[in-house]
Amino acid sequence: MSDASLIAGEIQDLATSIGEVVAAVRDKKPPHVVVNVPEAPPAGVVVNVPEQAPPVVNVNVPEQAPPVVNVAASAPVIEFKPQVTVPRSVPNAYDVRVTERDQYGYIVAFTIVPRL
């Protein structure tokens, strides 16, 4: 089997793997975010009335304002395009040239040039 055939097979396997990754990313659901705000206990009101109180005692208890919750976006909005096209690689559509081998004859570097 030639080096070109081996490398072309690897390219075909890579194209298949990319298709599986794209399908997995496309089917991923967005995260579900839940914010729990505990209810604040009512503020304790203590009224000390001396024994010699004036005839009219007015006690003003303001209502507690609702809590202000600022939720900053924790992650950017990610949009996925529904159509992803990965063209099939044709094993015979490339010229592969081995440019460098190590001392044991294994391929260290190669170039791939598409045939026109």
PDB file of N, CA and C in Angstrom:
ATOM      1  N   MET A   1       0.853  -1.173   0.000  1.00  0.00           N
ATOM      2  CA  MET A   1       0.000   0.000   0.000  1.00  0.00           C
ATOM      3  C   MET A   1       0.900   1.238   0.000  1.00  0.00           C
ATOM      4  N   SER A   2       0.616   2.203  -0.804  1.00  0.00           N
ATOM      5  CA  SER A   2       1.475   3.377  -0.949  1.00  0.00           C
ATOM      6  C   SER A   2       1.200   4.382   0.171  1.00  0.00           C
ATOM      7  N   ASP A   3       2.170   5.287   0.339  1.00  0.00           N
ATOM      8  CA  ASP A   3       2.018   6.334   1.348  1.00  0.00           C
ATOM      9  C   ASP A   3       0.812   7.207   1.028  1.00  0.00           C
ATOM     10  N   ALA A   4       0.595   7.477  -0.235  1.00  0.00           N
ATOM     11  CA  ALA A   4      -0.534   8.330  -0.636  1.00  0.00           C
ATOM     12  C   ALA A   4      -1.857   7.688  -0.235  1.00  0.00           C
ATOM     13  N   SER A   5      -1.988   6.387  -0.392  1.00  0.00           N
ATOM     14  CA  SER A   5      -3.235   5.708  -0.018  1.00  0.00           C
ATOM     15  C   SER A   5      -3.449   5.770   1.481  1.00  0.00           C
ATOM     16  N   LEU A   6      -2.385   5.578   2.260  1.00  0.00           N
ATOM     17  CA  LEU A   6      -2.512   5.642   3.719  1.00  0.00           C
ATOM     18  C   LEU A   6      -2.943   7.032   4.171  1.00  0.00           C
ATOM     19  N   ILE A   7      -2.324   8.055   3.624  1.00  0.00           N
ATOM     20  CA  ILE A   7      -2.654   9.421   4.022  1.00  0.00           C
ATOM     21  C   ILE A   7      -4.059   9.784   3.566  1.00  0.00           C
ATOM     22  N   ALA A   8      -4.461   9.348   2.390  1.00  0.00           N
ATOM     23  CA  ALA A   8      -5.819   9.622   1.904  1.00  0.00           C
ATOM     24  C   ALA A   8      -6.846   8.954   2.813  1.00  0.00           C
ATOM     25  N   GLY A   9      -6.547   7.745   3.285  1.00  0.00           N
ATOM     26  CA  GLY A   9      -7.458   7.069   4.219  1.00  0.00           C
ATOM     27  C   GLY A   9      -7.592   7.850   5.520  1.00  0.00           C
ATOM     28  N   GLU A  10      -6.483   8.400   6.005  1.00  0.00           N
ATOM     29  CA  GLU A  10      -6.520   9.209   7.219  1.00  0.00           C
ATOM     30  C   GLU A  10      -7.363  10.459   7.013  1.00  0.00           C
ATOM     31  N   ILE A  11      -7.256  11.068   5.853  1.00  0.00           N
ATOM     32  CA  ILE A  11      -8.056  12.262   5.549  1.00  0.00           C
ATOM     33  C   ILE A  11      -9.545  11.901   5.530  1.00  0.00           C
ATOM     34  N   GLN A  12      -9.878  10.760   4.970  1.00  0.00           N
ATOM     35  CA  GLN A  12     -11.283  10.323   4.934  1.00  0.00           C
ATOM     36  C   GLN A  12     -11.802  10.092   6.353  1.00  0.00           C
ATOM     37  N   ASP A  13     -10.998   9.466   7.213  1.00  0.00           N
ATOM     38  CA  ASP A  13     -11.402   9.246   8.605  1.00  0.00           C
ATOM     39  C   ASP A  13     -11.603  10.569   9.326  1.00  0.00           C
ATOM     40  N   LEU A  14     -10.737  11.540   9.052  1.00  0.00           N
ATOM     41  CA  LEU A  14     -10.867  12.855   9.674  1.00  0.00           C
ATOM     42  C   LEU A  14     -12.158  13.545   9.239  1.00  0.00           C
ATOM     43  N   ALA A  15     -12.520  13.444   7.962  1.00  0.00           N
ATOM     44  CA  ALA A  15     -13.756  14.062   7.471  1.00  0.00           C
ATOM     45  C   ALA A  15     -14.975  13.429   8.147  1.00  0.00           C
ATOM     46  N   THR A  16     -14.952  12.124   8.356  1.00  0.00           N
ATOM     47  CA  THR A  16     -16.055  11.438   9.038  1.00  0.00           C
ATOM     48  C   THR A  16     -16.148  11.903  10.481  1.00  0.00           C
ATOM     49  N   SER A  17     -15.003  12.023  11.162  1.00  0.00           N
ATOM     50  CA  SER A  17     -14.990  12.466  12.560  1.00  0.00           C
ATOM     51  C   SER A  17     -15.525  13.882  12.684  1.00  0.00           C
ATOM     52  N   ILE A  18     -15.176  14.755  11.755  1.00  0.00           N
ATOM     53  CA  ILE A  18     -15.662  16.134  11.807  1.00  0.00           C
ATOM     54  C   ILE A  18     -17.184  16.151  11.670  1.00  0.00           C
ATOM     55  N   GLY A  19     -17.719  15.312  10.823  1.00  0.00           N
ATOM     56  CA  GLY A  19     -19.180  15.241  10.673  1.00  0.00           C
ATOM     57  C   GLY A  19     -19.864  14.823  11.960  1.00  0.00           C
ATOM     58  N   GLU A  20     -19.278  13.881  12.694  1.00  0.00           N
ATOM     59  CA  GLU A  20     -19.854  13.439  13.964  1.00  0.00           C
ATOM     60  C   GLU A  20     -19.782  14.542  15.009  1.00  0.00           C
ATOM     61  N   VAL A  21     -18.687  15.277  15.048  1.00  0.00           N
ATOM     62  CA  VAL A  21     -18.547  16.373  16.010  1.00  0.00           C
ATOM     63  C   VAL A  21     -19.564  17.464  15.703  1.00  0.00           C
ATOM     64  N   VAL A  22     -19.740  17.799  14.443  1.00  0.00           N
ATOM     65  CA  VAL A  22     -20.713  18.829  14.063  1.00  0.00           C
ATOM     66  C   VAL A  22     -22.119  18.407  14.470  1.00  0.00           C
ATOM     67  N   ALA A  23     -22.464  17.151  14.273  1.00  0.00           N
ATOM     68  CA  ALA A  23     -23.797  16.662  14.668  1.00  0.00           C
ATOM     69  C   ALA A  23     -23.968  16.748  16.174  1.00  0.00           C
ATOM     70  N   ALA A  24     -22.945  16.416  16.945  1.00  0.00           N
ATOM     71  CA  ALA A  24     -23.031  16.473  18.402  1.00  0.00           C
ATOM     72  C   ALA A  24     -23.200  17.911  18.889  1.00  0.00           C
ATOM     73  N   VAL A  25     -22.480  18.857  18.288  1.00  0.00           N
ATOM     74  CA  VAL A  25     -22.580  20.261  18.700  1.00  0.00           C
ATOM     75  C   VAL A  25     -23.931  20.831  18.306  1.00  0.00           C
ATOM     76  N   ARG A  26     -24.422  20.462  17.121  1.00  0.00           N
ATOM     77  CA  ARG A  26     -25.704  20.969  16.646  1.00  0.00           C
ATOM     78  C   ARG A  26     -26.842  20.503  17.540  1.00  0.00           C
ATOM     79  N   ASP A  27     -26.786  19.284  18.091  1.00  0.00           N
ATOM     80  CA  ASP A  27     -27.867  18.733  18.901  1.00  0.00           C
ATOM     81  C   ASP A  27     -27.783  19.139  20.369  1.00  0.00           C
ATOM     82  N   LYS A  28     -26.733  19.865  20.784  1.00  0.00           N
ATOM     83  CA  LYS A  28     -26.571  20.233  22.183  1.00  0.00           C
ATOM     84  C   LYS A  28     -27.613  21.279  22.563  1.00  0.00           C
ATOM     85  N   LYS A  29     -28.287  21.065  23.675  1.00  0.00           N
ATOM     86  CA  LYS A  29     -29.317  21.982  24.158  1.00  0.00           C
ATOM     87  C   LYS A  29     -28.656  23.135  24.911  1.00  0.00           C
ATOM     88  N   PRO A  30     -29.256  24.338  24.890  1.00  0.00           N
ATOM     89  CA  PRO A  30     -28.692  25.445  25.660  1.00  0.00           C
ATOM     90  C   PRO A  30     -28.854  25.157  27.157  1.00  0.00           C
ATOM     91  N   PRO A  31     -27.973  25.708  27.988  1.00  0.00           N
ATOM     92  CA  PRO A  31     -28.051  25.428  29.428  1.00  0.00           C
ATOM     93  C   PRO A  31     -29.295  26.050  30.037  1.00  0.00           C
ATOM     94  N   HIS A  32     -29.814  25.413  31.103  1.00  0.00           N
ATOM     95  CA  HIS A  32     -30.981  25.898  31.826  1.00  0.00           C
ATOM     96  C   HIS A  32     -30.490  26.621  33.070  1.00  0.00           C
ATOM     97  N   VAL A  33     -30.873  27.891  33.223  1.00  0.00           N
ATOM     98  CA  VAL A  33     -30.392  28.698  34.342  1.00  0.00           C
ATOM     99  C   VAL A  33     -31.548  28.947  35.298  1.00  0.00           C
ATOM    100  N   VAL A  34     -31.326  28.664  36.590  1.00  0.00           N
ATOM    101  CA  VAL A  34     -32.330  28.907  37.624  1.00  0.00           C
ATOM    102  C   VAL A  34     -31.715  29.849  38.647  1.00  0.00           C
ATOM    103  N   VAL A  35     -32.412  30.929  38.969  1.00  0.00           N
ATOM    104  CA  VAL A  35     -31.943  31.873  39.982  1.00  0.00           C
ATOM    105  C   VAL A  35     -32.903  31.803  41.153  1.00  0.00           C
ATOM    106  N   ASN A  36     -32.396  31.417  42.320  1.00  0.00           N
ATOM    107  CA  ASN A  36     -33.206  31.359  43.529  1.00  0.00           C
ATOM    108  C   ASN A  36     -32.886  32.566  44.393  1.00  0.00           C
ATOM    109  N   VAL A  37     -33.923  33.365  44.718  1.00  0.00           N
ATOM    110  CA  VAL A  37     -33.760  34.519  45.591  1.00  0.00           C
ATOM    111  C   VAL A  37     -34.526  34.211  46.871  1.00  0.00           C
ATOM    112  N   PRO A  38     -33.806  33.985  47.981  1.00  0.00           N
ATOM    113  CA  PRO A  38     -34.519  33.661  49.224  1.00  0.00           C
ATOM    114  C   PRO A  38     -35.314  34.863  49.719  1.00  0.00           C
ATOM    115  N   GLU A  39     -36.437  34.576  50.344  1.00  0.00           N
ATOM    116  CA  GLU A  39     -37.244  35.655  50.893  1.00  0.00           C
ATOM    117  C   GLU A  39     -36.562  36.191  52.141  1.00  0.00           C
ATOM    118  N   ALA A  40     -36.502  37.500  52.241  1.00  0.00           N
ATOM    119  CA  ALA A  40     -35.883  38.104  53.416  1.00  0.00           C
ATOM    120  C   ALA A  40     -36.864  38.049  54.583  1.00  0.00           C
ATOM    121  N   PRO A  41     -36.391  37.712  55.783  1.00  0.00           N
ATOM    122  CA  PRO A  41     -37.311  37.705  56.932  1.00  0.00           C
ATOM    123  C   PRO A  41     -37.780  39.126  57.222  1.00  0.00           C
ATOM    124  N   PRO A  42     -38.964  39.265  57.760  1.00  0.00           N
ATOM    125  CA  PRO A  42     -39.443  40.616  58.042  1.00  0.00           C
ATOM    126  C   PRO A  42     -38.523  41.297  59.059  1.00  0.00           C
ATOM    127  N   ALA A  43     -38.347  42.588  58.862  1.00  0.00           N
ATOM    128  CA  ALA A  43     -37.485  43.337  59.773  1.00  0.00           C
ATOM    129  C   ALA A  43     -38.154  43.426  61.139  1.00  0.00           C
ATOM    130  N   GLY A  44     -37.363  43.206  62.177  1.00  0.00           N
ATOM    131  CA  GLY A  44     -37.921  43.290  63.535  1.00  0.00           C
ATOM    132  C   GLY A  44     -38.140  44.742  63.921  1.00  0.00           C
ATOM    133  N   VAL A  45     -39.288  45.028  64.455  1.00  0.00           N
ATOM    134  CA  VAL A  45     -39.627  46.398  64.865  1.00  0.00           C
ATOM    135  C   VAL A  45     -39.793  46.388  66.387  1.00  0.00           C
ATOM    136  N   VAL A  46     -38.988  47.193  67.036  1.00  0.00           N
ATOM    137  CA  VAL A  46     -39.077  47.302  68.499  1.00  0.00           C
ATOM    138  C   VAL A  46     -39.542  48.718  68.838  1.00  0.00           C
ATOM    139  N   VAL A  47     -40.615  48.804  69.580  1.00  0.00           N
ATOM    140  CA  VAL A  47     -41.133  50.106  69.992  1.00  0.00           C
ATOM    141  C   VAL A  47     -41.052  50.159  71.522  1.00  0.00           C
ATOM    142  N   ASN A  48     -40.236  51.053  72.014  1.00  0.00           N
ATOM    143  CA  ASN A  48     -40.139  51.256  73.466  1.00  0.00           C
ATOM    144  C   ASN A  48     -41.020  52.442  73.847  1.00  0.00           C
ATOM    145  N   VAL A  49     -41.990  52.173  74.663  1.00  0.00           N
ATOM    146  CA  VAL A  49     -42.914  53.223  75.098  1.00  0.00           C
ATOM    147  C   VAL A  49     -42.642  53.469  76.590  1.00  0.00           C
ATOM    148  N   PRO A  50     -42.195  54.656  76.890  1.00  0.00           N
ATOM    149  CA  PRO A  50     -41.973  54.923  78.322  1.00  0.00           C
ATOM    150  C   PRO A  50     -43.291  54.904  79.089  1.00  0.00           C
ATOM    151  N   GLU A  51     -43.182  54.766  80.417  1.00  0.00           N
ATOM    152  CA  GLU A  51     -44.402  54.680  81.235  1.00  0.00           C
ATOM    153  C   GLU A  51     -45.243  55.940  81.124  1.00  0.00           C
ATOM    154  N   GLN A  52     -44.617  57.069  80.972  1.00  0.00           N
ATOM    155  CA  GLN A  52     -45.358  58.315  80.829  1.00  0.00           C
ATOM    156  C   GLN A  52     -45.346  58.696  79.353  1.00  0.00           C
ATOM    157  N   ALA A  53     -46.092  57.977  78.578  1.00  0.00           N
ATOM    158  CA  ALA A  53     -46.130  58.217  77.149  1.00  0.00           C
ATOM    159  C   ALA A  53     -47.008  59.410  76.838  1.00  0.00           C
ATOM    160  N   PRO A  54     -46.659  60.096  75.739  1.00  0.00           N
ATOM    161  CA  PRO A  54     -47.561  61.166  75.332  1.00  0.00           C
ATOM    162  C   PRO A  54     -48.902  60.570  74.910  1.00  0.00           C
ATOM    163  N   PRO A  55     -49.927  61.375  74.833  1.00  0.00           N
ATOM    164  CA  PRO A  55     -51.247  60.835  74.521  1.00  0.00           C
ATOM    165  C   PRO A  55     -51.339  60.190  73.138  1.00  0.00           C
ATOM    166  N   VAL A  56     -50.529  60.618  72.169  1.00  0.00           N
ATOM    167  CA  VAL A  56     -50.586  60.047  70.837  1.00  0.00           C
ATOM    168  C   VAL A  56     -49.201  59.509  70.493  1.00  0.00           C
ATOM    169  N   VAL A  57     -49.157  58.250  70.123  1.00  0.00           N
ATOM    170  CA  VAL A  57     -47.893  57.643  69.714  1.00  0.00           C
ATOM    171  C   VAL A  57     -48.040  57.208  68.259  1.00  0.00           C
ATOM    172  N   ASN A  58     -47.212  57.763  67.385  1.00  0.00           N
ATOM    173  CA  ASN A  58     -47.216  57.383  65.981  1.00  0.00           C
ATOM    174  C   ASN A  58     -45.960  56.554  65.705  1.00  0.00           C
ATOM    175  N   VAL A  59     -46.161  55.397  65.175  1.00  0.00           N
ATOM    176  CA  VAL A  59     -45.036  54.538  64.791  1.00  0.00           C
ATOM    177  C   VAL A  59     -45.130  54.324  63.285  1.00  0.00           C
ATOM    178  N   ASN A  60     -44.139  54.802  62.566  1.00  0.00           N
ATOM    179  CA  ASN A  60     -44.108  54.633  61.114  1.00  0.00           C
ATOM    180  C   ASN A  60     -43.133  53.508  60.778  1.00  0.00           C
ATOM    181  N   VAL A  61     -43.655  52.490  60.176  1.00  0.00           N
ATOM    182  CA  VAL A  61     -42.817  51.360  59.752  1.00  0.00           C
ATOM    183  C   VAL A  61     -42.881  51.309  58.222  1.00  0.00           C
ATOM    184  N   PRO A  62     -41.782  51.703  57.576  1.00  0.00           N
ATOM    185  CA  PRO A  62     -41.827  51.676  56.105  1.00  0.00           C
ATOM    186  C   PRO A  62     -41.802  50.233  55.596  1.00  0.00           C
ATOM    187  N   GLU A  63     -42.424  50.078  54.450  1.00  0.00           N
ATOM    188  CA  GLU A  63     -42.404  48.746  53.840  1.00  0.00           C
ATOM    189  C   GLU A  63     -41.008  48.459  53.325  1.00  0.00           C
ATOM    190  N   GLN A  64     -40.665  47.195  53.413  1.00  0.00           N
ATOM    191  CA  GLN A  64     -39.349  46.794  52.912  1.00  0.00           C
ATOM    192  C   GLN A  64     -39.410  46.729  51.384  1.00  0.00           C
ATOM    193  N   ALA A  65     -38.434  47.362  50.751  1.00  0.00           N
ATOM    194  CA  ALA A  65     -38.388  47.350  49.289  1.00  0.00           C
ATOM    195  C   ALA A  65     -38.011  45.956  48.801  1.00  0.00           C
ATOM    196  N   PRO A  66     -38.551  45.554  47.674  1.00  0.00           N
ATOM    197  CA  PRO A  66     -38.167  44.237  47.150  1.00  0.00           C
ATOM    198  C   PRO A  66     -36.689  44.237  46.779  1.00  0.00           C
ATOM    199  N   PRO A  67     -36.052  43.079  46.866  1.00  0.00           N
ATOM    200  CA  PRO A  67     -34.622  43.023  46.534  1.00  0.00           C
ATOM    201  C   PRO A  67     -34.398  43.290  45.042  1.00  0.00           C
ATOM    202  N   VAL A  68     -33.272  43.913  44.745  1.00  0.00           N
ATOM    203  CA  VAL A  68     -32.886  44.158  43.361  1.00  0.00           C
ATOM    204  C   VAL A  68     -31.888  43.078  42.974  1.00  0.00           C
ATOM    205  N   VAL A  69     -32.212  42.350  41.944  1.00  0.00           N
ATOM    206  CA  VAL A  69     -31.350  41.255  41.503  1.00  0.00           C
ATOM    207  C   VAL A  69     -30.840  41.588  40.108  1.00  0.00           C
ATOM    208  N   ASN A  70     -29.537  41.698  39.995  1.00  0.00           N
ATOM    209  CA  ASN A  70     -28.914  41.920  38.695  1.00  0.00           C
ATOM    210  C   ASN A  70     -28.209  40.636  38.308  1.00  0.00           C
ATOM    211  N   VAL A  71     -28.648  40.056  37.243  1.00  0.00           N
ATOM    212  CA  VAL A  71     -28.030  38.819  36.777  1.00  0.00           C
ATOM    213  C   VAL A  71     -27.269  39.151  35.498  1.00  0.00           C
ATOM    214  N   ALA A  72     -25.957  39.101  35.596  1.00  0.00           N
ATOM    215  CA  ALA A  72     -25.136  39.353  34.413  1.00  0.00           C
ATOM    216  C   ALA A  72     -25.082  38.081  33.584  1.00  0.00           C
ATOM    217  N   ALA A  73     -24.994  38.241  32.292  1.00  0.00           N
ATOM    218  CA  ALA A  73     -24.894  37.077  31.408  1.00  0.00           C
ATOM    219  C   ALA A  73     -23.592  36.356  31.714  1.00  0.00           C
ATOM    220  N   SER A  74     -23.693  35.059  32.021  1.00  0.00           N
ATOM    221  CA  SER A  74     -22.484  34.306  32.361  1.00  0.00           C
ATOM    222  C   SER A  74     -21.801  33.750  31.125  1.00  0.00           C
ATOM    223  N   ALA A  75     -22.503  33.652  30.049  1.00  0.00           N
ATOM    224  CA  ALA A  75     -21.904  33.102  28.832  1.00  0.00           C
ATOM    225  C   ALA A  75     -22.514  33.827  27.631  1.00  0.00           C
ATOM    226  N   PRO A  76     -21.759  33.983  26.578  1.00  0.00           N
ATOM    227  CA  PRO A  76     -22.310  34.631  25.390  1.00  0.00           C
ATOM    228  C   PRO A  76     -23.359  33.745  24.723  1.00  0.00           C
ATOM    229  N   VAL A  77     -24.228  34.380  23.971  1.00  0.00           N
ATOM    230  CA  VAL A  77     -25.235  33.630  23.228  1.00  0.00           C
ATOM    231  C   VAL A  77     -24.539  32.925  22.060  1.00  0.00           C
ATOM    232  N   ILE A  78     -24.778  31.650  21.964  1.00  0.00           N
ATOM    233  CA  ILE A  78     -24.143  30.863  20.908  1.00  0.00           C
ATOM    234  C   ILE A  78     -25.227  30.411  19.948  1.00  0.00           C
ATOM    235  N   GLU A  79     -25.017  30.686  18.687  1.00  0.00           N
ATOM    236  CA  GLU A  79     -25.961  30.257  17.672  1.00  0.00           C
ATOM    237  C   GLU A  79     -25.298  29.219  16.784  1.00  0.00           C
ATOM    238  N   PHE A  80     -26.065  28.217  16.432  1.00  0.00           N
ATOM    239  CA  PHE A  80     -25.561  27.161  15.569  1.00  0.00           C
ATOM    240  C   PHE A  80     -26.320  27.221  14.257  1.00  0.00           C
ATOM    241  N   LYS A  81     -25.590  27.180  13.171  1.00  0.00           N
ATOM    242  CA  LYS A  81     -26.241  27.140  11.868  1.00  0.00           C
ATOM    243  C   LYS A  81     -26.766  25.714  11.668  1.00  0.00           C
ATOM    244  N   PRO A  82     -27.995  25.579  11.197  1.00  0.00           N
ATOM    245  CA  PRO A  82     -28.561  24.230  11.100  1.00  0.00           C
ATOM    246  C   PRO A  82     -27.930  23.363  10.017  1.00  0.00           C
ATOM    247  N   GLN A  83     -27.351  23.960   9.009  1.00  0.00           N
ATOM    248  CA  GLN A  83     -26.789  23.172   7.919  1.00  0.00           C
ATOM    249  C   GLN A  83     -25.276  23.281   7.929  1.00  0.00           C
ATOM    250  N   VAL A  84     -24.624  22.176   8.079  1.00  0.00           N
ATOM    251  CA  VAL A  84     -23.168  22.126   7.994  1.00  0.00           C
ATOM    252  C   VAL A  84     -22.837  21.091   6.932  1.00  0.00           C
ATOM    253  N   THR A  85     -22.069  21.480   5.963  1.00  0.00           N
ATOM    254  CA  THR A  85     -21.733  20.584   4.874  1.00  0.00           C
ATOM    255  C   THR A  85     -20.245  20.278   4.920  1.00  0.00           C
ATOM    256  N   VAL A  86     -19.917  19.013   5.002  1.00  0.00           N
ATOM    257  CA  VAL A  86     -18.523  18.578   4.958  1.00  0.00           C
ATOM    258  C   VAL A  86     -18.371  17.762   3.687  1.00  0.00           C
ATOM    259  N   PRO A  87     -17.639  18.286   2.705  1.00  0.00           N
ATOM    260  CA  PRO A  87     -17.518  17.530   1.458  1.00  0.00           C
ATOM    261  C   PRO A  87     -16.716  16.254   1.692  1.00  0.00           C
ATOM    262  N   ARG A  88     -17.135  15.216   1.016  1.00  0.00           N
ATOM    263  CA  ARG A  88     -16.411  13.952   1.119  1.00  0.00           C
ATOM    264  C   ARG A  88     -15.058  14.100   0.437  1.00  0.00           C
ATOM    265  N   SER A  89     -14.056  13.509   1.038  1.00  0.00           N
ATOM    266  CA  SER A  89     -12.751  13.542   0.398  1.00  0.00           C
ATOM    267  C   SER A  89     -12.641  12.353  -0.551  1.00  0.00           C
ATOM    268  N   VAL A  90     -12.048  12.598  -1.642  1.00  0.00           N
ATOM    269  CA  VAL A  90     -11.855  11.545  -2.633  1.00  0.00           C
ATOM    270  C   VAL A  90     -10.409  11.073  -2.503  1.00  0.00           C
ATOM    271  N   PRO A  91     -10.176   9.809  -2.142  1.00  0.00           N
ATOM    272  CA  PRO A  91      -8.815   9.349  -1.898  1.00  0.00           C
ATOM    273  C   PRO A  91      -7.868   9.566  -3.078  1.00  0.00           C
ATOM    274  N   ASN A  92      -8.351   9.525  -4.289  1.00  0.00           N
ATOM    275  CA  ASN A  92      -7.480   9.675  -5.444  1.00  0.00           C
ATOM    276  C   ASN A  92      -7.397  11.122  -5.934  1.00  0.00           C
ATOM    277  N   ALA A  93      -7.918  12.064  -5.151  1.00  0.00           N
ATOM    278  CA  ALA A  93      -7.952  13.444  -5.588  1.00  0.00           C
ATOM    279  C   ALA A  93      -6.748  14.251  -5.115  1.00  0.00           C
ATOM    280  N   TYR A  94      -5.761  13.609  -4.497  1.00  0.00           N
ATOM    281  CA  TYR A  94      -4.615  14.324  -3.950  1.00  0.00           C
ATOM    282  C   TYR A  94      -3.312  13.662  -4.401  1.00  0.00           C
ATOM    283  N   ASP A  95      -2.305  14.489  -4.563  1.00  0.00           N
ATOM    284  CA  ASP A  95      -0.952  13.978  -4.760  1.00  0.00           C
ATOM    285  C   ASP A  95      -0.228  14.161  -3.440  1.00  0.00           C
ATOM    286  N   VAL A  96       0.357  13.086  -2.927  1.00  0.00           N
ATOM    287  CA  VAL A  96       1.058  13.130  -1.656  1.00  0.00           C
ATOM    288  C   VAL A  96       2.536  12.895  -1.929  1.00  0.00           C
ATOM    289  N   ARG A  97       3.355  13.796  -1.410  1.00  0.00           N
ATOM    290  CA  ARG A  97       4.784  13.647  -1.592  1.00  0.00           C
ATOM    291  C   ARG A  97       5.436  13.612  -0.211  1.00  0.00           C
ATOM    292  N   VAL A  98       6.162  12.537   0.084  1.00  0.00           N
ATOM    293  CA  VAL A  98       6.892  12.425   1.337  1.00  0.00           C
ATOM    294  C   VAL A  98       8.142  13.282   1.203  1.00  0.00           C
ATOM    295  N   THR A  99       8.281  14.264   2.103  1.00  0.00           N
ATOM    296  CA  THR A  99       9.398  15.201   2.006  1.00  0.00           C
ATOM    297  C   THR A  99      10.516  14.886   2.985  1.00  0.00           C
ATOM    298  N   GLU A 100      10.209  14.094   4.029  1.00  0.00           N
ATOM    299  CA  GLU A 100      11.261  13.786   4.999  1.00  0.00           C
ATOM    300  C   GLU A 100      10.933  12.485   5.710  1.00  0.00           C
ATOM    301  N   ARG A 101      11.967  11.677   5.939  1.00  0.00           N
ATOM    302  CA  ARG A 101      11.830  10.426   6.695  1.00  0.00           C
ATOM    303  C   ARG A 101      12.890  10.415   7.790  1.00  0.00           C
ATOM    304  N   ASP A 102      12.601   9.659   8.890  1.00  0.00           N
ATOM    305  CA  ASP A 102      13.603   9.564   9.944  1.00  0.00           C
ATOM    306  C   ASP A 102      14.589   8.434   9.617  1.00  0.00           C
ATOM    307  N   GLN A 103      15.488   8.181  10.545  1.00  0.00           N
ATOM    308  CA  GLN A 103      16.542   7.198  10.289  1.00  0.00           C
ATOM    309  C   GLN A 103      16.001   5.775  10.153  1.00  0.00           C
ATOM    310  N   TYR A 104      14.762   5.530  10.616  1.00  0.00           N
ATOM    311  CA  TYR A 104      14.165   4.206  10.516  1.00  0.00           C
ATOM    312  C   TYR A 104      13.246   4.070   9.311  1.00  0.00           C
ATOM    313  N   GLY A 105      13.104   5.110   8.561  1.00  0.00           N
ATOM    314  CA  GLY A 105      12.275   5.063   7.361  1.00  0.00           C
ATOM    315  C   GLY A 105      10.842   5.520   7.575  1.00  0.00           C
ATOM    316  N   TYR A 106      10.496   5.946   8.800  1.00  0.00           N
ATOM    317  CA  TYR A 106       9.153   6.436   9.057  1.00  0.00           C
ATOM    318  C   TYR A 106       8.992   7.853   8.511  1.00  0.00           C
ATOM    319  N   ILE A 107       7.760   8.197   8.108  1.00  0.00           N
ATOM    320  CA  ILE A 107       7.478   9.504   7.526  1.00  0.00           C
ATOM    321  C   ILE A 107       7.521  10.559   8.624  1.00  0.00           C
ATOM    322  N   VAL A 108       8.295  11.605   8.385  1.00  0.00           N
ATOM    323  CA  VAL A 108       8.384  12.721   9.314  1.00  0.00           C
ATOM    324  C   VAL A 108       7.605  13.913   8.770  1.00  0.00           C
ATOM    325  N   ALA A 109       7.641  14.152   7.468  1.00  0.00           N
ATOM    326  CA  ALA A 109       6.925  15.281   6.858  1.00  0.00           C
ATOM    327  C   ALA A 109       6.473  14.883   5.464  1.00  0.00           C
ATOM    328  N   PHE A 110       5.336  15.453   5.059  1.00  0.00           N
ATOM    329  CA  PHE A 110       4.826  15.205   3.719  1.00  0.00           C
ATOM    330  C   PHE A 110       4.028  16.413   3.281  1.00  0.00           C
ATOM    331  N   THR A 111       3.759  16.516   1.989  1.00  0.00           N
ATOM    332  CA  THR A 111       2.918  17.576   1.452  1.00  0.00           C
ATOM    333  C   THR A 111       1.771  16.933   0.695  1.00  0.00           C
ATOM    334  N   ILE A 112       0.610  17.573   0.757  1.00  0.00           N
ATOM    335  CA  ILE A 112      -0.575  17.107   0.045  1.00  0.00           C
ATOM    336  C   ILE A 112      -0.980  18.209  -0.924  1.00  0.00           C
ATOM    337  N   VAL A 113      -1.075  17.874  -2.181  1.00  0.00           N
ATOM    338  CA  VAL A 113      -1.446  18.837  -3.209  1.00  0.00           C
ATOM    339  C   VAL A 113      -2.681  18.291  -3.935  1.00  0.00           C
ATOM    340  N   PRO A 114      -3.786  19.042  -3.929  1.00  0.00           N
ATOM    341  CA  PRO A 114      -4.971  18.568  -4.641  1.00  0.00           C
ATOM    342  C   PRO A 114      -4.726  18.526  -6.153  1.00  0.00           C
ATOM    343  N   ARG A 115      -5.286  17.496  -6.747  1.00  0.00           N
ATOM    344  CA  ARG A 115      -5.207  17.402  -8.211  1.00  0.00           C
ATOM    345  C   ARG A 115      -6.246  18.344  -8.805  1.00  0.00           C
ATOM    346  N   LEU A 116      -5.882  18.986  -9.863  1.00  0.00           N
ATOM    347  CA  LEU A 116      -6.822  19.912 -10.505  1.00  0.00           C
ATOM    348  C   LEU A 116      -7.476  19.289 -11.702  1.00  0.00           C
TER     349      LEU A 116
END
